[in-house]
Protein backbone atom coordinates (compact mmCIF):
# COMPACT_ATOMS: atom_id res chain seq x y z
CA UNK A 1 206.15 56.19 72.76
CA UNK A 2 209.72 57.02 71.60
CA UNK A 3 212.67 56.37 73.62
CA UNK A 4 215.95 58.27 73.18
CA UNK A 5 219.34 57.75 74.87
CA UNK A 6 221.22 60.94 75.02
CA UNK A 7 225.08 60.19 75.67
CA UNK A 8 226.77 62.69 78.07
CA UNK A 9 230.22 64.03 78.26
CA UNK A 10 232.54 61.31 79.26
CA UNK A 11 234.08 62.08 82.65
CA UNK A 12 237.17 59.99 82.18
CA UNK A 13 238.91 57.40 79.90
CA UNK A 14 236.92 54.09 79.87
CA UNK A 15 233.79 55.62 81.19
CA UNK A 16 230.39 56.69 79.82
CA UNK A 17 227.13 58.18 80.99
CA UNK A 18 223.73 58.71 79.49
CA UNK A 19 220.07 59.80 79.92
CA UNK A 20 217.22 57.84 79.02
CA UNK A 21 214.36 60.12 77.60
CA UNK A 22 210.86 58.89 76.63
CA UNK A 23 208.37 60.88 74.73
CA UNK A 24 204.61 60.36 74.39
CA UNK A 25 202.10 62.05 72.10
CA UNK A 26 203.45 64.28 69.24
CA UNK A 27 205.55 67.34 69.41
CA UNK A 28 204.18 70.69 68.48
CA UNK A 29 200.64 69.46 68.46
CA UNK A 30 199.74 70.96 71.95
CA UNK A 31 201.15 71.68 75.22
CA UNK A 32 204.50 70.36 76.10
CA UNK A 33 205.00 68.65 79.63
CA UNK A 34 208.32 67.64 81.14
CA UNK A 35 208.75 65.23 83.97
CA UNK A 36 211.90 64.12 85.63
CA UNK A 37 212.80 62.31 88.89
CA UNK A 38 215.93 61.78 90.97
CA UNK A 39 217.92 64.92 90.16
CA UNK A 40 219.01 64.43 93.83
CA UNK A 41 220.05 60.94 92.89
CA UNK A 42 219.24 59.45 96.49
CA UNK A 43 215.60 60.62 96.24
CA UNK A 44 213.84 57.86 94.78
CA UNK A 45 210.03 58.09 95.30
CA UNK A 46 209.77 60.25 91.99
CA UNK A 47 211.41 57.20 90.12
CA UNK A 48 208.96 54.88 91.15
CA UNK A 49 205.98 57.37 90.64
CA UNK A 50 207.27 57.95 87.12
CA UNK A 51 207.19 54.02 86.55
CA UNK A 52 203.52 53.99 87.44
CA UNK A 53 202.74 57.24 85.54
CA UNK A 54 204.56 55.96 82.41
CA UNK A 55 202.02 52.97 82.25
CA UNK A 56 199.17 55.30 82.15
CA UNK A 57 200.98 57.51 79.46
CA UNK A 58 201.56 54.37 77.26
CA UNK A 59 197.93 53.47 77.44
CA UNK A 60 196.85 57.20 76.73
CA UNK A 61 199.22 57.33 73.96
CA UNK A 62 198.03 54.12 72.20
CA UNK A 63 194.67 55.52 72.31
CA UNK A 64 195.67 58.86 70.70
CA UNK A 65 194.49 60.71 73.89
CA UNK A 66 197.52 63.01 74.32
CA UNK A 67 197.23 66.47 72.92
CA UNK A 68 200.74 67.43 72.59
CA UNK A 69 203.81 65.97 73.97
CA UNK A 70 204.80 64.67 77.40
CA UNK A 71 208.55 64.10 77.88
CA UNK A 72 209.83 61.86 80.64
CA UNK A 73 213.39 61.48 82.03
CA UNK A 74 212.77 58.71 84.59
CA UNK A 75 216.24 59.30 86.18
CA UNK A 76 218.02 62.70 85.66
CA UNK A 77 221.30 62.09 87.56
CA UNK A 78 223.68 59.33 86.27
CA UNK A 79 226.47 61.10 87.98
CA UNK A 80 224.96 60.77 91.39
CA UNK A 81 223.67 57.31 90.80
CA UNK A 82 227.36 56.31 90.96
CA UNK A 83 228.29 58.08 94.13
CA UNK A 84 228.53 55.74 97.06
CA UNK A 85 230.45 56.02 100.40
CA UNK A 86 230.50 53.34 102.87
CA UNK A 87 227.38 51.68 101.16
CA UNK A 88 225.48 54.99 101.20
CA UNK A 89 224.51 57.07 98.16
CA UNK A 90 225.68 60.60 97.94
CA UNK A 91 223.25 62.00 95.47
CA UNK A 92 222.58 65.41 96.74
CA UNK A 93 226.20 66.86 95.99
CA UNK A 94 228.64 66.19 93.21
CA UNK A 95 231.58 64.77 95.15
CA UNK A 96 234.14 66.41 92.78
CA UNK A 97 232.89 69.97 93.27
CA UNK A 98 230.72 69.88 96.33
CA UNK A 99 227.94 71.43 94.26
CA UNK A 100 224.27 70.74 94.70
CA UNK A 101 222.90 68.91 91.86
CA UNK A 102 219.73 71.17 91.91
CA UNK A 103 221.55 74.41 91.94
CA UNK A 104 223.34 76.73 89.58
CA UNK A 105 221.22 76.34 86.43
CA UNK A 106 221.21 79.17 83.81
CA UNK A 107 219.36 82.33 84.20
CA UNK A 108 218.51 83.37 80.66
CA UNK A 109 216.39 86.50 81.68
CA UNK A 110 218.60 89.30 80.66
CA UNK A 111 219.59 87.71 77.35
CA UNK A 112 216.01 86.90 76.53
CA UNK A 113 215.02 90.50 77.34
CA UNK A 114 217.56 91.71 74.84
CA UNK A 115 216.68 89.08 72.31
CA UNK A 116 213.04 89.85 72.09
CA UNK A 117 213.54 93.70 71.98
CA UNK A 118 211.58 95.17 69.06
CA UNK A 119 209.98 91.74 68.04
CA UNK A 120 206.93 91.54 70.55
CA UNK A 121 203.45 92.28 69.35
CA UNK A 122 199.85 92.50 70.42
CA UNK A 123 199.19 88.61 69.74
CA UNK A 124 199.86 86.70 72.88
CA UNK A 125 200.13 83.27 71.25
CA UNK A 126 202.70 84.62 68.69
CA UNK A 127 204.61 86.25 71.70
CA UNK A 128 204.69 82.97 73.48
CA UNK A 129 205.85 81.21 70.11
CA UNK A 130 208.57 83.80 69.64
CA UNK A 131 209.79 83.80 73.10
CA UNK A 132 210.14 79.73 73.22
CA UNK A 133 212.04 80.07 70.05
CA UNK A 134 214.43 82.51 71.64
CA UNK A 135 214.81 80.23 74.84
CA UNK A 136 215.84 77.31 72.63
CA UNK A 137 218.35 79.32 70.68
CA UNK A 138 219.81 80.77 74.09
CA UNK A 139 220.23 77.78 75.99
CA UNK A 140 222.26 76.39 73.09
CA UNK A 141 224.18 79.44 72.91
CA UNK A 142 224.92 79.10 76.86
CA UNK A 143 226.22 75.89 76.34
CA UNK A 144 228.51 76.99 73.52
CA UNK A 145 229.79 79.96 75.54
CA UNK A 146 231.13 77.53 78.27
CA UNK A 147 234.61 76.21 77.62
CA UNK A 148 235.79 73.93 78.93
CA UNK A 149 232.52 72.28 79.89
CA UNK A 150 232.50 69.88 82.77
CA UNK A 151 230.41 66.71 82.91
CA UNK A 152 228.32 68.09 85.61
CA UNK A 153 227.62 71.36 83.59
CA UNK A 154 226.86 69.17 80.57
CA UNK A 155 224.22 67.17 82.59
CA UNK A 156 222.51 70.47 83.82
CA UNK A 157 222.41 71.91 80.34
CA UNK A 158 221.20 68.81 78.69
CA UNK A 159 218.20 68.67 81.17
CA UNK A 160 217.60 72.17 80.77
CA UNK A 161 217.50 72.00 76.89
CA UNK A 162 215.02 69.25 77.24
CA UNK A 163 212.52 71.28 79.17
CA UNK A 164 213.24 75.02 78.08
CA UNK A 165 210.17 75.18 75.87
CA UNK A 166 207.69 73.13 78.14
CA UNK A 167 204.34 74.54 79.23
CA UNK A 168 204.61 72.38 82.45
CA UNK A 169 208.00 71.28 84.13
CA UNK A 170 207.56 68.75 87.12
CA UNK A 171 210.87 68.12 88.92
CA UNK A 172 210.12 65.27 91.41
CA UNK A 173 212.00 65.19 94.63
CA UNK A 174 211.58 64.22 98.17
CA UNK A 175 212.80 65.38 101.64
CA UNK A 176 214.45 63.54 104.49
CA UNK A 177 211.17 63.00 106.40
CA UNK A 178 208.09 64.83 105.17
CA UNK A 179 204.46 65.02 103.97
CA UNK A 180 203.69 65.78 100.44
CA UNK A 181 204.61 69.30 99.64
CA UNK A 182 205.88 71.46 96.75
CA UNK A 183 207.72 74.69 95.93
CA UNK A 184 206.48 77.07 93.04
CA UNK A 185 206.94 80.49 91.93
CA UNK A 186 204.58 82.95 93.40
CA UNK A 187 203.88 84.13 89.81
CA UNK A 188 202.37 80.51 89.18
CA UNK A 189 200.03 81.04 92.13
CA UNK A 190 197.04 80.62 92.46
CA UNK A 191 197.17 79.08 88.83
CA UNK A 192 198.87 75.93 90.34
CA UNK A 193 196.16 75.61 93.18
CA UNK A 194 194.54 72.67 91.37
CA UNK A 195 198.00 71.02 91.16
CA UNK A 196 198.39 71.36 94.83
CA UNK A 197 194.76 70.07 95.60
CA UNK A 198 195.08 67.19 93.02
CA UNK A 199 198.37 65.77 94.69
CA UNK A 200 197.32 66.31 98.15
CA UNK A 201 200.21 68.73 99.01
CA UNK A 202 200.19 69.60 102.64
CA UNK A 203 202.39 72.52 102.37
CA UNK A 204 202.71 74.72 99.12
CA UNK A 205 205.77 77.03 99.26
CA UNK A 206 205.74 80.16 97.09
CA UNK A 207 208.69 82.49 96.19
CA UNK A 208 209.90 84.47 93.20
CA UNK A 209 213.65 83.77 94.01
CA UNK A 210 214.48 80.84 96.30
CA UNK A 211 218.09 81.24 95.97
CA UNK A 212 220.92 79.37 94.20
CA UNK A 213 219.18 79.00 90.82
CA UNK A 214 217.45 75.60 91.17
CA UNK A 215 216.20 73.68 88.18
CA UNK A 216 212.51 74.93 88.27
CA UNK A 217 213.40 78.60 88.33
CA UNK A 218 215.27 78.34 85.11
CA UNK A 219 211.88 77.88 83.57
CA UNK A 220 209.82 80.49 85.24
CA UNK A 221 212.07 83.33 85.96
CA UNK A 222 212.69 84.41 82.21
CA UNK A 223 208.78 84.84 81.96
CA UNK A 224 208.80 86.62 85.21
CA UNK A 225 211.40 89.18 84.14
CA UNK A 226 210.14 89.50 80.64
CA UNK A 227 206.64 90.38 81.98
CA UNK A 228 208.23 92.92 84.21
CA UNK A 229 209.95 94.80 81.50
CA UNK A 230 207.40 94.45 78.70
CA UNK A 231 204.21 93.41 80.37
CA UNK A 232 202.67 96.92 80.37
CA UNK A 233 203.04 97.19 76.51
CA UNK A 234 202.54 93.65 75.20
CA UNK A 235 200.46 90.62 76.20
CA UNK A 236 202.77 88.06 77.65
CA UNK A 237 201.37 85.25 79.76
CA UNK A 238 203.10 83.29 82.35
CA UNK A 239 203.43 80.54 79.93
CA UNK A 240 205.25 77.99 81.87
CA UNK A 241 204.24 76.48 85.26
CA UNK A 242 207.38 74.74 86.90
CA UNK A 243 207.35 73.34 90.12
CA UNK A 244 209.44 71.08 92.52
CA UNK A 245 207.24 68.34 93.91
CA UNK A 246 208.60 66.72 97.06
CA UNK A 247 207.05 63.13 97.24
CA UNK A 248 207.19 62.82 101.12
CA UNK A 249 210.54 61.43 102.60
CA UNK A 250 213.20 59.63 101.13
CA UNK A 251 212.20 56.20 102.60
CA UNK A 252 208.74 56.42 101.17
CA UNK A 253 209.42 54.34 98.24
CA UNK A 254 206.05 52.36 98.06
CA UNK A 255 203.35 51.18 95.52
CA UNK A 256 200.71 52.44 98.00
CA UNK A 257 201.93 56.02 97.61
CA UNK A 258 203.48 55.93 93.98
CA UNK A 259 200.29 54.47 92.29
CA UNK A 260 197.87 57.20 93.56
CA UNK A 261 200.71 59.99 93.07
CA UNK A 262 200.93 58.79 89.34
CA UNK A 263 197.23 58.91 89.06
CA UNK A 264 196.79 62.26 90.40
CA UNK A 265 199.54 63.79 88.08
CA UNK A 266 197.63 62.12 85.25
CA UNK A 267 194.39 63.71 86.44
CA UNK A 268 196.13 67.00 86.70
CA UNK A 269 197.04 66.66 82.93
CA UNK A 270 193.53 65.70 82.19
CA UNK A 271 192.22 68.74 83.86
CA UNK A 272 194.72 71.00 82.10
CA UNK A 273 193.67 69.35 78.59
CA UNK A 274 197.03 67.52 77.97
CA UNK A 275 195.28 64.32 78.17
CA UNK A 276 191.61 63.41 77.00
CA UNK A 277 189.23 62.01 79.66
CA UNK A 278 187.30 63.09 82.85
CA UNK A 279 189.57 63.60 85.81
CA UNK A 280 186.60 63.81 88.27
CA UNK A 281 186.06 66.33 90.84
CA UNK A 282 189.01 68.28 92.25
CA UNK A 283 189.98 67.08 95.88
CA UNK A 284 189.43 69.55 98.53
CA UNK A 285 192.86 71.32 99.13
CA UNK A 286 194.75 70.45 102.18
CA UNK A 287 196.62 73.80 102.32
CA UNK A 288 196.85 77.29 101.10
CA UNK A 289 200.21 78.54 99.68
CA UNK A 290 202.48 80.10 102.24
CA UNK A 291 205.63 82.15 101.68
CA UNK A 292 209.15 80.41 101.52
CA UNK A 293 210.19 83.46 103.49
CA UNK A 294 207.67 82.27 106.16
CA UNK A 295 209.75 79.13 106.80
CA UNK A 296 211.63 78.90 110.07
CA UNK A 297 214.69 76.54 109.57
CA UNK A 298 215.58 75.11 113.05
CA UNK A 299 219.05 74.52 113.87
CA UNK A 300 221.02 72.67 116.54
CA UNK A 301 222.79 74.71 119.33
CA UNK A 302 225.19 72.00 120.08
CA UNK A 303 226.08 68.61 118.93
CA UNK A 304 224.56 65.37 120.09
CA UNK A 305 221.62 62.89 119.50
CA UNK A 306 218.09 64.26 118.02
CA UNK A 307 214.80 63.10 119.76
CA UNK A 308 211.85 64.30 117.78
CA UNK A 309 208.69 64.97 119.94
CA UNK A 310 206.50 65.44 116.99
CA UNK A 311 206.03 63.90 113.49
CA UNK A 312 206.74 65.13 110.22
CA UNK A 313 203.36 66.91 108.87
CA UNK A 314 202.19 67.90 112.46
CA UNK A 315 200.69 71.40 112.85
CA UNK A 316 202.84 73.05 115.61
CA UNK A 317 202.84 76.40 117.60
CA UNK A 318 205.57 78.96 118.05
CA UNK A 319 207.58 78.07 121.06
CA UNK A 320 206.13 74.50 121.31
CA UNK A 321 208.76 71.94 122.00
CA UNK A 322 209.45 70.02 118.85
CA UNK A 323 212.05 67.74 120.32
CA UNK A 324 215.41 68.09 121.97
CA UNK A 325 219.38 67.43 121.23
CA UNK A 326 220.89 65.31 123.91
CA UNK A 327 224.74 65.46 124.57
CA UNK A 328 225.19 62.08 126.59
CA UNK A 329 228.64 63.16 127.81
CA UNK A 330 227.75 66.52 129.36
CA UNK A 331 224.24 65.66 130.16
CA UNK A 332 222.95 68.89 128.12
CA UNK A 333 219.48 68.37 127.03
CA UNK A 334 218.47 71.34 124.83
CA UNK A 335 214.86 71.54 123.65
CA UNK A 336 214.24 73.18 120.23
CA UNK A 337 211.34 75.15 118.88
CA UNK A 338 210.11 77.09 115.95
CA UNK A 339 209.55 81.06 115.82
CA UNK A 340 206.13 80.36 113.85
CA UNK A 341 202.89 78.64 114.03
CA UNK A 342 202.70 76.20 111.06
CA UNK A 343 203.18 72.81 109.57
CA UNK A 344 206.45 70.88 110.25
CA UNK A 345 206.91 69.90 106.67
CA UNK A 346 210.63 68.59 106.86
CA UNK A 347 212.68 67.07 109.34
CA UNK A 348 216.26 65.62 109.12
CA UNK A 349 216.51 61.87 108.38
CA UNK A 350 219.57 61.35 110.67
CA UNK A 351 219.70 61.42 114.38
CA UNK A 352 223.31 62.60 115.25
CA UNK A 353 223.82 66.24 114.81
CA UNK A 354 226.66 68.80 114.85
CA UNK A 355 226.55 72.32 116.15
CA UNK A 356 224.62 74.48 113.67
CA UNK A 357 223.22 71.43 112.03
CA UNK A 358 219.82 71.40 110.39
CA UNK A 359 217.05 69.81 112.40
CA UNK A 360 213.67 70.75 110.81
CA UNK A 361 211.42 73.38 109.21
CA UNK A 362 208.13 74.89 109.89
CA UNK A 363 206.20 76.70 107.31
CA UNK A 364 204.41 79.71 108.69
CA UNK A 365 201.74 81.93 107.01
CA UNK A 366 203.79 85.33 107.25
CA UNK A 367 207.51 86.12 106.32
CA UNK A 368 209.94 85.98 109.08
CA UNK A 369 212.56 88.70 109.95
CA UNK A 370 215.91 87.71 108.56
CA UNK A 371 214.37 85.30 105.96
CA UNK A 372 215.60 86.81 102.70
CA UNK A 373 218.17 85.94 99.84
CA UNK A 374 219.10 82.36 99.93
CA UNK A 375 215.81 80.99 101.26
CA UNK A 376 216.72 77.37 100.28
CA UNK A 377 219.54 75.53 101.88
CA UNK A 378 221.98 76.19 99.01
CA UNK A 379 225.62 75.29 97.82
């Protein structure tokens, strides 16, 4: 194992920030895997999961069982780690700009399409090698083209540079209150069905574009667009599998979850040939993929107190009462429901809501009318 400390752009006099990066195995000897946690700095289940995964990786590395390189960033957001208001961490949005830490990552697709023009051939492996070299060059160029560079942009680009040429990108998050679920490009499905089954995902949401340029799409979208332009002439595999894994809810920071979660990620890498050893039989999948456009995001019609009637992870029917919002001043008690059958895979972690405030999400099997464009909560 090699550990590196990457100094980030100093935001102000007398301050400093850095990323810790640990590398297992050996670069350019096999597949490259990238893990990070706490990009939303108040989402900590991924941090404890990587803590346990690294214990397994250290042992495998010592035995020479890693074919390639596994890069781990145990906490990806030192900016968000320092943002507290009234003893509460504010890790989802940068307080200065109001921007979501998991949005506004660079889309290198157009520049990549131009860069490889006339260079592709009939050897798929050679094409992948060429494309990854261009991606490494383009992400460095993108940094140089931004002037002046803010500390938030520096953080985003540093993370992107670490993962830009990876075969697998695993961005570990959590929801407010939720079962295990994941987001992934529809171009990575059904290839990623074994990952979904191995980690016990109860809801696997697919889309080509989810909105707002989140971290994982930086690494899948260039391959999608390149295949769209050149795929009928040259062999270009979907060479990067990138996903956002939601490790249940923000309060689910327990060894009883994190230890098996780490073991399942280790087994996935064994199954993909990144780590030697027998992962055992693949668990039965708990879900099939459903479209992100089939998610009904339920909003409050007025302010008040939220009282849920069903738990996160429950299978619900369209029109079923999921809870109600109570205005104790007026006596208004307004039930809320979903437009679709599906799994209630996310619900708000607070119980005081404003008009138009987000309450919960239900993932249905078919796209819903009006669900297009910005499919994720953005900003």
